[in-house]
Each structure stands twice: as structure tokens, then as C-alpha cells.
Amino acid sequence: MSKYLVTGVAGFIANKVAELLLADGHEVIGVDNMNHAYDVRMKEYRLARLQGLPGFEFLQQDISDKEATLGLMEKVNGASAVINLAARAGVRDSVRDPWLYVDTNMTGTLNLLELCRRAGIPKFILASTSSIYGQNAPLPTPETAGSSLPLQPYAASKKGAESMAHAYHFLHGIDVTVVRYFTVYGPAGRPDMVMFRFAKWLLEGTPLHLNGDGLQSRGFTYVDDIARGTIQALRPLGYEIVNLGGHESITMLELIRMLEEITGKQAEVVHHPFPKADMLANQADTEKAHELLGWMPQISLQEGVSRLVAWYQENMDWAKDLDVGL
């Protein structure tokens, strides 16, 4: 079995990746700084599900701390890959504090790449974002679409991380796969994301807050499918950028109707102005993921949303107190 360093391990996607790796008998060293980018109680809940499992070790530290990250040399000795899923995410928050996004997404990635170089770790996975495609991307969006004109500091920081990863691939022979995630959802998801917010508000009978007219659309993919794709990207590919996610596109109004049907509740919608930093639509072209990784999503949107609703109902006693960041 193999050893992996998984960063952002208390985060939504990384937590599921670590869970699947451990289930397959691998060793996982999980790193997370447990920041308050969103309600830390959700991160604590996810982390608690991993702690105590055979093969798992947790370290609370920040990847943007160069000395701490390079100090992992002994821990990662013999590791097969670094899976860098730690990030400051969110297009709107990046406008308010872009320096924080540069620290985590760019400097943190550089520190981990340097750790790979010094420790002789052959594989590096970098989580990136569909936001990198900017304005007027074709739908569905292939990896060849333009990504040099980001619209927010978040996307710009991810573009910088991708470029640094390519430099380390070129100079030092590290095998790099960049996985560009589209909109990911599922149980124990980020409480500040639309799917969690809508489900919470509907189930609690409180007003549902909607930005814009609701005609903006997102391509959603269930977290288990995304985690499987990330693990499949561990195979040696040289340097590749691969879209993961976004296979089922739906408008926000259609999503509200779906949630109403699943929950049996009627939404009271409060409209707000559409944020300039947001994109009107995203949907991934995943043909490359299928060809290179053999990846195909398995969970339908209807099934995935039903699982999210069921999870919230089961955990409402504490999840109802989570801050959704509005």
C-alpha cells in the first residue's frame, strides 16, 4: 500500500479523498490549518470521521508556512504523492482579501512542490477551479478554453499555482495533474455554498436568499464522484490539466424546484443583486477525464440532492446552528 500527503484534509473534497484512500488500505498524512474561512464546526465534524481510522495521521499546520511544510520531510519519506486540496476558495471573499489567497493558493503550492522536490516525491495533484476560465467560456468548457484572463483574485491565484506546478514539472520532472473542479456538492458540504444553504433554509422554513433572477446555472457533481476522479488522477501523466465535475447543469430556479419536490416544502425566495465576481454559468467538458482517467460520474443530481437533504435531516440538531456566511 502507498503513503499520501493530503492537504486541506478537513475540507469537503479532501476529506472524502482521504476516506477513500484509507478504505483501500493506504496511509494518509492529513494536513489542515482549521481556519475560519467558513464555520469550523463543519471541518471538525469531517475530521472526527477520519481520526482513529487505521493509517491516518493528522497535523494541524498551514501550507503557506514554509518552515513547517518543509519540516514534513521525515513524515513524507517514501510517499507516493502529494494531493494538494488545501485552498482559500470563494470568488467574492477573494475580492475582499486577495493577499490571503496568494498566501495559501500560490505560496502554499510552491512550498509543497519544493517538498516534493527535496523528498523525491514523484507525483503532485493540484486542485484548481472552473473559475479560471473567466468570461464567455464555451459551454460545456474544455481544458483548451482560455484561462489567462481571470476575473477574480481567487482564479488568478489558482492560475499562478498551475503555472508554478508546470515549472516544477519542467525543471525537476515531477509528474503533475491539475484537476479543475466545477461545482461540487453533497453531505457535509461547505455551509456557505448554494446547495447547502438552499437545503438548510428550506428544511428550516426560513426565507431562501437568491442572487439575481435565478437563471444563472451551474454544472453540479457529487462529492464521491469528484473524490474518485481525484484518486484516478494519481496515475503518471506528465503534466496534464483535467476538468472534473459539472456534468449535470441546472439553473438556480430549477434547483429550488427540485429541492421543494424532495423536501415537500415551499420556498419563500428573497432576491438580491447578482455579485459582479460571480459567473453566470459553468459546465465542464469531461471528455478528457474519461479518456485519460477512465472517469465517469455515477451519482445523478436527483440522487445526490436527496442524499444531501437526508444528511441534513439526520444532523439538523447541530447543523442548524452552522453559519452559512450570508
C-alpha atoms as a PDB file:
ATOM      1  CA  MET A   1       0.000   0.000   0.000  1.00  0.00           C
ATOM      2  CA  SER A   2       1.052   3.620  -0.534  1.00  0.00           C
ATOM      3  CA  LYS A   3       1.536   6.706   1.601  1.00  0.00           C
ATOM      4  CA  TYR A   4      -0.056  10.032   0.637  1.00  0.00           C
ATOM      5  CA  LEU A   5       0.093  13.575   1.979  1.00  0.00           C
ATOM      6  CA  VAL A   6      -3.392  15.106   1.657  1.00  0.00           C
ATOM      7  CA  THR A   7      -3.661  18.814   2.396  1.00  0.00           C
ATOM      8  CA  GLY A   8      -6.874  20.541   3.427  1.00  0.00           C
ATOM      9  CA  VAL A   9      -7.930  17.192   4.869  1.00  0.00           C
ATOM     10  CA  ALA A  10     -10.770  18.685   6.947  1.00  0.00           C
ATOM     11  CA  GLY A  11     -12.154  20.290   3.796  1.00  0.00           C
ATOM     12  CA  PHE A  12     -15.074  18.946   1.810  1.00  0.00           C
ATOM     13  CA  ILE A  13     -13.346  17.179  -1.091  1.00  0.00           C
ATOM     14  CA  ALA A  14     -10.049  16.329   0.622  1.00  0.00           C
ATOM     15  CA  ASN A  15     -11.892  14.646   3.484  1.00  0.00           C
ATOM     16  CA  LYS A  16     -13.660  12.306   1.073  1.00  0.00           C
ATOM     17  CA  VAL A  17     -10.417  11.631  -0.827  1.00  0.00           C
ATOM     18  CA  ALA A  18      -8.690  10.677   2.433  1.00  0.00           C
ATOM     19  CA  GLU A  19     -11.635   8.478   3.425  1.00  0.00           C
ATOM     20  CA  LEU A  20     -11.482   6.533   0.149  1.00  0.00           C
ATOM     21  CA  LEU A  21      -7.700   6.138   0.306  1.00  0.00           C
ATOM     22  CA  LEU A  22      -7.879   4.823   3.870  1.00  0.00           C
ATOM     23  CA  ALA A  23     -10.664   2.421   2.914  1.00  0.00           C
ATOM     24  CA  ASP A  24      -8.311   0.990   0.281  1.00  0.00           C
ATOM     25  CA  GLY A  25      -5.651   0.372   2.940  1.00  0.00           C
ATOM     26  CA  HIS A  26      -3.355   3.305   2.171  1.00  0.00           C
ATOM     27  CA  GLU A  27      -1.603   5.534   4.705  1.00  0.00           C
ATOM     28  CA  VAL A  28      -2.721   9.176   4.790  1.00  0.00           C
ATOM     29  CA  ILE A  29      -0.943  12.079   6.430  1.00  0.00           C
ATOM     30  CA  GLY A  30      -3.569  14.800   6.599  1.00  0.00           C
ATOM     31  CA  VAL A  31      -2.709  18.467   6.972  1.00  0.00           C
ATOM     32  CA  ASP A  32      -5.140  21.318   7.673  1.00  0.00           C
ATOM     33  CA  ASN A  33      -4.847  24.651   9.462  1.00  0.00           C
ATOM     34  CA  MET A  34      -8.531  24.509  10.537  1.00  0.00           C
ATOM     35  CA  ASN A  35      -9.084  28.139   9.556  1.00  0.00           C
ATOM     36  CA  HIS A  36     -12.378  30.001   9.837  1.00  0.00           C
ATOM     37  CA  ALA A  37     -12.939  30.601   6.113  1.00  0.00           C
ATOM     38  CA  TYR A  38     -16.332  29.049   6.859  1.00  0.00           C
ATOM     39  CA  ASP A  39     -17.851  27.605  10.026  1.00  0.00           C
ATOM     40  CA  VAL A  40     -15.083  25.492  11.540  1.00  0.00           C
ATOM     41  CA  ARG A  41     -17.615  23.163  13.183  1.00  0.00           C
ATOM     42  CA  MET A  42     -18.158  21.530   9.805  1.00  0.00           C
ATOM     43  CA  LYS A  43     -14.413  20.933   9.457  1.00  0.00           C
ATOM     44  CA  GLU A  44     -14.291  19.458  12.964  1.00  0.00           C
ATOM     45  CA  TYR A  45     -17.174  17.129  12.079  1.00  0.00           C
ATOM     46  CA  ARG A  46     -15.389  15.891   8.953  1.00  0.00           C
ATOM     47  CA  LEU A  47     -12.042  15.481  10.707  1.00  0.00           C
ATOM     48  CA  ALA A  48     -13.615  13.486  13.528  1.00  0.00           C
ATOM     49  CA  ARG A  49     -14.784  10.920  10.955  1.00  0.00           C
ATOM     50  CA  LEU A  50     -11.159  10.209   9.996  1.00  0.00           C
ATOM     51  CA  GLN A  51      -9.401  10.346  13.345  1.00  0.00           C
ATOM     52  CA  GLY A  52      -8.856   6.936  14.814  1.00  0.00           C
ATOM     53  CA  LEU A  53      -9.006   5.170  11.456  1.00  0.00           C
ATOM     54  CA  PRO A  54      -6.034   2.853  10.781  1.00  0.00           C
ATOM     55  CA  GLY A  55      -3.354   4.559   8.708  1.00  0.00           C
ATOM     56  CA  PHE A  56      -4.446   8.154   9.369  1.00  0.00           C
ATOM     57  CA  GLU A  57      -2.298  10.838  10.993  1.00  0.00           C
ATOM     58  CA  PHE A  58      -3.401  14.465  11.355  1.00  0.00           C
ATOM     59  CA  LEU A  59      -1.160  17.534  11.565  1.00  0.00           C
ATOM     60  CA  GLN A  60      -2.627  20.969  12.191  1.00  0.00           C
ATOM     61  CA  GLN A  61      -0.447  23.377  10.260  1.00  0.00           C
ATOM     62  CA  ASP A  62      -0.551  25.850   7.377  1.00  0.00           C
ATOM     63  CA  ILE A  63       0.884  25.034   3.946  1.00  0.00           C
ATOM     64  CA  SER A  64       1.801  28.714   3.487  1.00  0.00           C
ATOM     65  CA  ASP A  65       4.290  28.321   6.372  1.00  0.00           C
ATOM     66  CA  LYS A  66       7.486  27.411   4.516  1.00  0.00           C
ATOM     67  CA  GLU A  67       9.422  26.061   7.509  1.00  0.00           C
ATOM     68  CA  ALA A  68       6.522  23.937   8.739  1.00  0.00           C
ATOM     69  CA  THR A  69       5.851  22.499   5.295  1.00  0.00           C
ATOM     70  CA  LEU A  70       9.463  21.694   4.508  1.00  0.00           C
ATOM     71  CA  GLY A  71       9.692  20.289   8.020  1.00  0.00           C
ATOM     72  CA  LEU A  72       7.484  17.409   6.849  1.00  0.00           C
ATOM     73  CA  MET A  73      10.453  15.778   5.080  1.00  0.00           C
ATOM     74  CA  GLU A  74      10.752  12.894   7.529  1.00  0.00           C
ATOM     75  CA  LYS A  75       6.985  12.322   7.688  1.00  0.00           C
ATOM     76  CA  VAL A  76       6.601  12.079   3.913  1.00  0.00           C
ATOM     77  CA  ASN A  77       9.613   9.870   3.342  1.00  0.00           C
ATOM     78  CA  GLY A  78       8.563   7.222   0.834  1.00  0.00           C
ATOM     79  CA  ALA A  79       5.282   8.943  -0.039  1.00  0.00           C
ATOM     80  CA  SER A  80       3.849   8.240  -3.484  1.00  0.00           C
ATOM     81  CA  ALA A  81       2.187  11.623  -3.960  1.00  0.00           C
ATOM     82  CA  VAL A  82       1.171  14.956  -2.505  1.00  0.00           C
ATOM     83  CA  ILE A  83      -2.515  15.679  -3.074  1.00  0.00           C
ATOM     84  CA  ASN A  84      -2.844  19.437  -2.580  1.00  0.00           C
ATOM     85  CA  LEU A  85      -6.517  20.168  -1.941  1.00  0.00           C
ATOM     86  CA  ALA A  86      -5.878  22.917   0.611  1.00  0.00           C
ATOM     87  CA  ALA A  87      -7.044  26.270  -0.704  1.00  0.00           C
ATOM     88  CA  ARG A  88      -8.695  29.525   0.065  1.00  0.00           C
ATOM     89  CA  ALA A  89     -11.807  29.230  -2.064  1.00  0.00           C
ATOM     90  CA  GLY A  90     -14.617  31.619  -2.937  1.00  0.00           C
ATOM     91  CA  VAL A  91     -14.654  34.285  -5.604  1.00  0.00           C
ATOM     92  CA  ARG A  92     -16.312  37.013  -3.500  1.00  0.00           C
ATOM     93  CA  ASP A  93     -14.106  36.705  -0.420  1.00  0.00           C
ATOM     94  CA  SER A  94     -11.025  36.870  -2.635  1.00  0.00           C
ATOM     95  CA  VAL A  95     -12.014  40.385  -3.664  1.00  0.00           C
ATOM     96  CA  ARG A  96     -12.005  41.435  -0.010  1.00  0.00           C
ATOM     97  CA  ASP A  97      -8.646  39.899   0.924  1.00  0.00           C
ATOM     98  CA  PRO A  98      -6.598  38.844  -2.122  1.00  0.00           C
ATOM     99  CA  TRP A  99      -3.358  38.588  -0.109  1.00  0.00           C
ATOM    100  CA  LEU A 100      -4.756  35.652   1.856  1.00  0.00           C
ATOM    101  CA  TYR A 101      -5.493  33.830  -1.406  1.00  0.00           C
ATOM    102  CA  VAL A 102      -1.976  34.410  -2.701  1.00  0.00           C
ATOM    103  CA  ASP A 103      -0.521  33.098   0.574  1.00  0.00           C
ATOM    104  CA  THR A 104      -2.459  29.834   0.571  1.00  0.00           C
ATOM    105  CA  ASN A 105      -3.032  29.090  -3.091  1.00  0.00           C
ATOM    106  CA  MET A 106       0.265  30.253  -4.549  1.00  0.00           C
ATOM    107  CA  THR A 107       2.865  30.264  -1.759  1.00  0.00           C
ATOM    108  CA  GLY A 108       1.354  27.132  -0.223  1.00  0.00           C
ATOM    109  CA  THR A 109       1.546  25.310  -3.564  1.00  0.00           C
ATOM    110  CA  LEU A 110       5.161  26.431  -4.032  1.00  0.00           C
ATOM    111  CA  ASN A 111       6.092  25.107  -0.575  1.00  0.00           C
ATOM    112  CA  LEU A 112       4.535  21.719  -1.335  1.00  0.00           C
ATOM    113  CA  LEU A 113       6.205  21.481  -4.738  1.00  0.00           C
ATOM    114  CA  GLU A 114       9.526  22.200  -3.082  1.00  0.00           C
ATOM    115  CA  LEU A 115       8.769  19.498  -0.516  1.00  0.00           C
ATOM    116  CA  CYS A 116       8.197  17.071  -3.397  1.00  0.00           C
ATOM    117  CA  ARG A 117      11.498  18.065  -4.994  1.00  0.00           C
ATOM    118  CA  ARG A 118      13.524  17.689  -1.817  1.00  0.00           C
ATOM    119  CA  ALA A 119      11.812  14.475  -0.669  1.00  0.00           C
ATOM    120  CA  GLY A 120      11.793  12.862  -4.108  1.00  0.00           C
ATOM    121  CA  ILE A 121       8.008  12.507  -4.204  1.00  0.00           C
ATOM    122  CA  PRO A 122       7.164  11.703  -7.836  1.00  0.00           C
ATOM    123  CA  LYS A 123       3.516  12.816  -8.103  1.00  0.00           C
ATOM    124  CA  PHE A 124       1.705  16.077  -7.350  1.00  0.00           C
ATOM    125  CA  ILE A 125      -2.050  16.630  -7.595  1.00  0.00           C
ATOM    126  CA  LEU A 126      -3.209  20.251  -7.609  1.00  0.00           C
ATOM    127  CA  ALA A 127      -6.840  21.199  -7.120  1.00  0.00           C
ATOM    128  CA  SER A 128      -7.822  24.111  -9.343  1.00  0.00           C
ATOM    129  CA  THR A 129     -11.133  25.668 -10.329  1.00  0.00           C
ATOM    130  CA  SER A 130     -13.600  26.234 -13.142  1.00  0.00           C
ATOM    131  CA  SER A 131     -13.444  29.941 -12.242  1.00  0.00           C
ATOM    132  CA  ILE A 132     -10.127  30.026 -14.070  1.00  0.00           C
ATOM    133  CA  TYR A 133     -11.920  30.006 -17.441  1.00  0.00           C
ATOM    134  CA  GLY A 134     -13.111  33.574 -16.966  1.00  0.00           C
ATOM    135  CA  GLN A 135     -15.742  35.271 -19.053  1.00  0.00           C
ATOM    136  CA  ASN A 136     -17.527  33.900 -22.133  1.00  0.00           C
ATOM    137  CA  ALA A 137     -16.143  30.379 -21.878  1.00  0.00           C
ATOM    138  CA  PRO A 138     -17.805  27.895 -24.251  1.00  0.00           C
ATOM    139  CA  LEU A 139     -20.310  25.559 -22.601  1.00  0.00           C
ATOM    140  CA  PRO A 140     -19.513  22.815 -21.870  1.00  0.00           C
ATOM    141  CA  THR A 141     -15.991  24.092 -21.274  1.00  0.00           C
ATOM    142  CA  PRO A 142     -12.951  22.097 -22.466  1.00  0.00           C
ATOM    143  CA  GLU A 143      -9.498  22.379 -20.891  1.00  0.00           C
ATOM    144  CA  THR A 144      -8.296  24.191 -24.024  1.00  0.00           C
ATOM    145  CA  ALA A 145     -10.552  27.202 -23.306  1.00  0.00           C
ATOM    146  CA  GLY A 146      -8.760  30.424 -22.401  1.00  0.00           C
ATOM    147  CA  SER A 147      -7.636  30.768 -18.794  1.00  0.00           C
ATOM    148  CA  SER A 148      -5.270  33.744 -18.968  1.00  0.00           C
ATOM    149  CA  LEU A 149      -7.821  36.430 -18.061  1.00  0.00           C
ATOM    150  CA  PRO A 150      -9.164  35.536 -14.585  1.00  0.00           C
ATOM    151  CA  LEU A 151     -11.961  37.689 -13.217  1.00  0.00           C
ATOM    152  CA  GLN A 152     -11.165  37.447  -9.505  1.00  0.00           C
ATOM    153  CA  PRO A 153      -8.082  37.106  -7.262  1.00  0.00           C
ATOM    154  CA  TYR A 154      -9.209  33.555  -6.414  1.00  0.00           C
ATOM    155  CA  ALA A 155      -8.995  32.418 -10.034  1.00  0.00           C
ATOM    156  CA  ALA A 156      -5.783  34.406 -10.535  1.00  0.00           C
ATOM    157  CA  SER A 157      -4.153  32.695  -7.538  1.00  0.00           C
ATOM    158  CA  LYS A 158      -5.111  29.290  -8.910  1.00  0.00           C
ATOM    159  CA  LYS A 159      -3.697  30.171 -12.322  1.00  0.00           C
ATOM    160  CA  GLY A 160      -0.454  31.133 -10.614  1.00  0.00           C
ATOM    161  CA  ALA A 161      -0.395  27.813  -8.763  1.00  0.00           C
ATOM    162  CA  GLU A 162      -0.940  25.902 -12.007  1.00  0.00           C
ATOM    163  CA  SER A 163       1.940  27.767 -13.645  1.00  0.00           C
ATOM    164  CA  MET A 164       4.308  27.094 -10.744  1.00  0.00           C
ATOM    165  CA  ALA A 165       3.392  23.411 -10.859  1.00  0.00           C
ATOM    166  CA  HIS A 166       4.270  23.348 -14.550  1.00  0.00           C
ATOM    167  CA  ALA A 167       7.631  24.989 -13.813  1.00  0.00           C
ATOM    168  CA  TYR A 168       8.464  22.285 -11.260  1.00  0.00           C
ATOM    169  CA  HIS A 169       7.382  19.613 -13.714  1.00  0.00           C
ATOM    170  CA  PHE A 170       9.655  21.063 -16.392  1.00  0.00           C
ATOM    171  CA  LEU A 171      12.663  21.705 -14.143  1.00  0.00           C
ATOM    172  CA  HIS A 172      12.502  18.771 -11.750  1.00  0.00           C
ATOM    173  CA  GLY A 173      10.463  16.078 -13.519  1.00  0.00           C
ATOM    174  CA  ILE A 174       7.608  15.999 -11.009  1.00  0.00           C
ATOM    175  CA  ASP A 175       4.538  14.358 -12.519  1.00  0.00           C
ATOM    176  CA  VAL A 176       1.708  16.887 -12.130  1.00  0.00           C
ATOM    177  CA  THR A 177      -2.013  16.568 -12.692  1.00  0.00           C
ATOM    178  CA  VAL A 178      -4.133  19.684 -12.227  1.00  0.00           C
ATOM    179  CA  VAL A 179      -7.771  18.831 -11.558  1.00  0.00           C
ATOM    180  CA  ARG A 180     -10.074  21.754 -12.265  1.00  0.00           C
ATOM    181  CA  TYR A 181     -13.149  21.256 -10.118  1.00  0.00           C
ATOM    182  CA  PHE A 182     -16.522  22.587 -11.150  1.00  0.00           C
ATOM    183  CA  THR A 183     -19.406  22.865  -8.663  1.00  0.00           C
ATOM    184  CA  VAL A 184     -19.195  20.078  -6.073  1.00  0.00           C
ATOM    185  CA  TYR A 185     -21.947  19.234  -3.586  1.00  0.00           C
ATOM    186  CA  GLY A 186     -23.035  16.524  -1.177  1.00  0.00           C
ATOM    187  CA  PRO A 187     -23.459  15.675   2.504  1.00  0.00           C
ATOM    188  CA  ALA A 188     -21.305  17.724   4.904  1.00  0.00           C
ATOM    189  CA  GLY A 189     -20.560  20.210   2.135  1.00  0.00           C
ATOM    190  CA  ARG A 190     -19.403  23.761   2.642  1.00  0.00           C
ATOM    191  CA  PRO A 191     -22.161  25.596   4.536  1.00  0.00           C
ATOM    192  CA  ASP A 192     -21.505  28.783   2.575  1.00  0.00           C
ATOM    193  CA  MET A 193     -22.254  27.108  -0.768  1.00  0.00           C
ATOM    194  CA  VAL A 194     -25.583  27.350  -2.550  1.00  0.00           C
ATOM    195  CA  MET A 195     -26.670  23.721  -2.282  1.00  0.00           C
ATOM    196  CA  PHE A 196     -26.179  23.562   1.491  1.00  0.00           C
ATOM    197  CA  ARG A 197     -27.769  26.964   2.029  1.00  0.00           C
ATOM    198  CA  PHE A 198     -30.856  26.181  -0.030  1.00  0.00           C
ATOM    199  CA  ALA A 199     -31.415  22.831   1.703  1.00  0.00           C
ATOM    200  CA  LYS A 200     -30.946  24.351   5.161  1.00  0.00           C
ATOM    201  CA  TRP A 201     -33.295  27.270   4.544  1.00  0.00           C
ATOM    202  CA  LEU A 202     -35.990  25.109   3.009  1.00  0.00           C
ATOM    203  CA  LEU A 203     -35.905  22.463   5.733  1.00  0.00           C
ATOM    204  CA  GLU A 204     -35.975  25.096   8.460  1.00  0.00           C
ATOM    205  CA  GLY A 205     -38.781  27.088   6.851  1.00  0.00           C
ATOM    206  CA  THR A 206     -36.781  30.310   6.635  1.00  0.00           C
ATOM    207  CA  PRO A 207     -36.516  32.641   3.602  1.00  0.00           C
ATOM    208  CA  LEU A 208     -34.275  31.411   0.802  1.00  0.00           C
ATOM    209  CA  HIS A 209     -31.836  34.072  -0.427  1.00  0.00           C
ATOM    210  CA  LEU A 210     -31.198  34.086  -4.178  1.00  0.00           C
ATOM    211  CA  ASN A 211     -28.703  36.261  -6.031  1.00  0.00           C
ATOM    212  CA  GLY A 212     -30.008  37.611  -9.334  1.00  0.00           C
ATOM    213  CA  ASP A 213     -33.013  36.274 -11.227  1.00  0.00           C
ATOM    214  CA  GLY A 214     -32.166  32.607 -10.693  1.00  0.00           C
ATOM    215  CA  LEU A 215     -31.427  31.919 -14.358  1.00  0.00           C
ATOM    216  CA  GLN A 216     -27.717  31.532 -13.696  1.00  0.00           C
ATOM    217  CA  SER A 217     -26.693  27.890 -13.981  1.00  0.00           C
ATOM    218  CA  ARG A 218     -24.116  25.537 -12.521  1.00  0.00           C
ATOM    219  CA  GLY A 219     -22.885  22.118 -13.521  1.00  0.00           C
ATOM    220  CA  PHE A 220     -23.034  20.047 -10.327  1.00  0.00           C
ATOM    221  CA  THR A 221     -21.194  16.841  -9.446  1.00  0.00           C
ATOM    222  CA  TYR A 222     -21.495  14.717  -6.314  1.00  0.00           C
ATOM    223  CA  VAL A 223     -18.505  14.746  -3.960  1.00  0.00           C
ATOM    224  CA  ASP A 224     -17.888  10.968  -4.079  1.00  0.00           C
ATOM    225  CA  ASP A 225     -17.550  11.144  -7.867  1.00  0.00           C
ATOM    226  CA  ILE A 226     -15.116  14.052  -7.572  1.00  0.00           C
ATOM    227  CA  ALA A 227     -13.030  12.220  -4.966  1.00  0.00           C
ATOM    228  CA  ARG A 228     -12.836   9.109  -7.162  1.00  0.00           C
ATOM    229  CA  GLY A 229     -11.681  11.239 -10.096  1.00  0.00           C
ATOM    230  CA  THR A 230      -9.006  12.882  -7.970  1.00  0.00           C
ATOM    231  CA  ILE A 231      -7.654   9.485  -6.909  1.00  0.00           C
ATOM    232  CA  GLN A 232      -7.744   8.239 -10.510  1.00  0.00           C
ATOM    233  CA  ALA A 233      -5.596  11.275 -11.411  1.00  0.00           C
ATOM    234  CA  LEU A 234      -2.739   9.788  -9.364  1.00  0.00           C
ATOM    235  CA  ARG A 235      -1.628   7.775 -12.394  1.00  0.00           C
ATOM    236  CA  PRO A 236       1.515   9.101 -14.150  1.00  0.00           C
ATOM    237  CA  LEU A 237       0.544  11.557 -16.902  1.00  0.00           C
ATOM    238  CA  GLY A 238       3.461  14.005 -17.200  1.00  0.00           C
ATOM    239  CA  TYR A 239       1.770  17.377 -16.900  1.00  0.00           C
ATOM    240  CA  GLU A 240      -1.960  17.440 -17.550  1.00  0.00           C
ATOM    241  CA  ILE A 241      -4.924  19.666 -16.768  1.00  0.00           C
ATOM    242  CA  VAL A 242      -8.189  17.772 -16.403  1.00  0.00           C
ATOM    243  CA  ASN A 243     -11.721  19.002 -15.757  1.00  0.00           C
ATOM    244  CA  LEU A 244     -13.641  17.148 -13.063  1.00  0.00           C
ATOM    245  CA  GLY A 245     -17.312  17.770 -12.431  1.00  0.00           C
ATOM    246  CA  GLY A 246     -20.112  19.858 -13.774  1.00  0.00           C
ATOM    247  CA  HIS A 247     -21.779  17.048 -15.697  1.00  0.00           C
ATOM    248  CA  GLU A 248     -25.393  17.987 -14.810  1.00  0.00           C
ATOM    249  CA  SER A 249     -26.273  21.622 -15.422  1.00  0.00           C
ATOM    250  CA  ILE A 250     -29.249  23.268 -13.744  1.00  0.00           C
ATOM    251  CA  THR A 251     -30.428  26.831 -13.131  1.00  0.00           C
ATOM    252  CA  MET A 252     -30.898  28.074  -9.587  1.00  0.00           C
ATOM    253  CA  LEU A 253     -34.657  28.281 -10.131  1.00  0.00           C
ATOM    254  CA  GLU A 254     -34.705  24.649 -11.288  1.00  0.00           C
ATOM    255  CA  LEU A 255     -32.607  23.661  -8.287  1.00  0.00           C
ATOM    256  CA  ILE A 256     -35.071  25.342  -5.941  1.00  0.00           C
ATOM    257  CA  ARG A 257     -37.934  23.446  -7.569  1.00  0.00           C
ATOM    258  CA  MET A 258     -36.040  20.170  -7.194  1.00  0.00           C
ATOM    259  CA  LEU A 259     -35.407  20.842  -3.520  1.00  0.00           C
ATOM    260  CA  GLU A 260     -39.044  21.771  -2.990  1.00  0.00           C
ATOM    261  CA  GLU A 261     -40.077  18.444  -4.502  1.00  0.00           C
ATOM    262  CA  ILE A 262     -37.584  16.439  -2.396  1.00  0.00           C
ATOM    263  CA  THR A 263     -38.307  18.229   0.895  1.00  0.00           C
ATOM    264  CA  GLY A 264     -42.032  18.710   0.359  1.00  0.00           C
ATOM    265  CA  LYS A 265     -41.640  22.350   1.371  1.00  0.00           C
ATOM    266  CA  GLN A 266     -42.384  25.609  -0.449  1.00  0.00           C
ATOM    267  CA  ALA A 267     -39.573  28.151  -0.746  1.00  0.00           C
ATOM    268  CA  GLU A 268     -40.021  31.788   0.196  1.00  0.00           C
ATOM    269  CA  VAL A 269     -37.457  33.434  -2.102  1.00  0.00           C
ATOM    270  CA  VAL A 270     -35.774  36.757  -1.326  1.00  0.00           C
ATOM    271  CA  HIS A 271     -33.848  38.201  -4.269  1.00  0.00           C
ATOM    272  CA  HIS A 272     -30.521  40.036  -4.022  1.00  0.00           C
ATOM    273  CA  PRO A 273     -28.332  41.745  -6.662  1.00  0.00           C
ATOM    274  CA  PHE A 274     -26.109  39.420  -8.678  1.00  0.00           C
ATOM    275  CA  PRO A 275     -22.462  39.738  -7.481  1.00  0.00           C
ATOM    276  CA  LYS A 276     -20.035  41.023 -10.113  1.00  0.00           C
ATOM    277  CA  ALA A 277     -17.426  38.408  -9.118  1.00  0.00           C
ATOM    278  CA  ASP A 278     -19.791  35.504  -9.863  1.00  0.00           C
ATOM    279  CA  MET A 279     -20.038  33.679 -13.174  1.00  0.00           C
ATOM    280  CA  LEU A 280     -23.367  33.316 -14.954  1.00  0.00           C
ATOM    281  CA  ALA A 281     -22.797  29.694 -15.926  1.00  0.00           C
ATOM    282  CA  ASN A 282     -20.380  26.807 -15.749  1.00  0.00           C
ATOM    283  CA  GLN A 283     -20.427  23.315 -17.134  1.00  0.00           C
ATOM    284  CA  ALA A 284     -17.483  21.018 -17.726  1.00  0.00           C
ATOM    285  CA  ASP A 285     -16.481  19.169 -20.827  1.00  0.00           C
ATOM    286  CA  THR A 286     -15.203  15.961 -19.166  1.00  0.00           C
ATOM    287  CA  GLU A 287     -14.193  14.012 -22.265  1.00  0.00           C
ATOM    288  CA  LYS A 288     -10.510  14.318 -21.335  1.00  0.00           C
ATOM    289  CA  ALA A 289     -11.153  12.928 -17.836  1.00  0.00           C
ATOM    290  CA  HIS A 290     -12.897   9.953 -19.399  1.00  0.00           C
ATOM    291  CA  GLU A 291     -10.082   9.339 -21.898  1.00  0.00           C
ATOM    292  CA  LEU A 292      -7.095   9.840 -19.561  1.00  0.00           C
ATOM    293  CA  LEU A 293      -8.503   8.678 -16.228  1.00  0.00           C
ATOM    294  CA  GLY A 294     -11.408   6.441 -17.157  1.00  0.00           C
ATOM    295  CA  TRP A 295     -13.588   8.716 -15.030  1.00  0.00           C
ATOM    296  CA  MET A 296     -17.352   8.915 -15.327  1.00  0.00           C
ATOM    297  CA  PRO A 297     -19.742  10.392 -12.735  1.00  0.00           C
ATOM    298  CA  GLN A 298     -22.075   7.815 -11.217  1.00  0.00           C
ATOM    299  CA  ILE A 299     -24.440   9.750  -8.931  1.00  0.00           C
ATOM    300  CA  SER A 300     -27.297  11.636 -10.585  1.00  0.00           C
ATOM    301  CA  LEU A 301     -28.221  15.123  -9.418  1.00  0.00           C
ATOM    302  CA  GLN A 302     -31.609  13.918  -8.180  1.00  0.00           C
ATOM    303  CA  GLU A 303     -29.983  11.158  -6.118  1.00  0.00           C
ATOM    304  CA  GLY A 304     -27.195  13.391  -4.817  1.00  0.00           C
ATOM    305  CA  VAL A 305     -29.544  16.168  -3.705  1.00  0.00           C
ATOM    306  CA  SER A 306     -31.736  13.587  -1.971  1.00  0.00           C
ATOM    307  CA  ARG A 307     -28.684  12.294  -0.081  1.00  0.00           C
ATOM    308  CA  LEU A 308     -27.738  15.834   0.957  1.00  0.00           C
ATOM    309  CA  VAL A 309     -31.248  16.517   2.244  1.00  0.00           C
ATOM    310  CA  ALA A 310     -31.275  13.220   4.156  1.00  0.00           C
ATOM    311  CA  TRP A 311     -27.893  14.026   5.726  1.00  0.00           C
ATOM    312  CA  TYR A 312     -29.105  17.448   6.836  1.00  0.00           C
ATOM    313  CA  GLN A 313     -32.252  15.998   8.360  1.00  0.00           C
ATOM    314  CA  GLU A 314     -30.168  13.460  10.290  1.00  0.00           C
ATOM    315  CA  ASN A 315     -27.749  16.131  11.547  1.00  0.00           C
ATOM    316  CA  MET A 316     -30.108  19.072  11.984  1.00  0.00           C
ATOM    317  CA  ASP A 317     -29.645  19.148  15.758  1.00  0.00           C
ATOM    318  CA  TRP A 318     -26.197  20.708  15.278  1.00  0.00           C
ATOM    319  CA  ALA A 319     -26.151  21.650  11.579  1.00  0.00           C
ATOM    320  CA  LYS A 320     -28.982  24.151  12.100  1.00  0.00           C
ATOM    321  CA  ASP A 321     -26.535  26.341  14.050  1.00  0.00           C
ATOM    322  CA  LEU A 322     -23.940  26.467  11.287  1.00  0.00           C
ATOM    323  CA  ASP A 323     -23.130  29.896   9.894  1.00  0.00           C
ATOM    324  CA  VAL A 324     -23.891  29.938   6.163  1.00  0.00           C
ATOM    325  CA  GLY A 325     -21.948  33.158   5.679  1.00  0.00           C
ATOM    326  CA  LEU A 326     -24.761  35.365   4.446  1.00  0.00           C
END
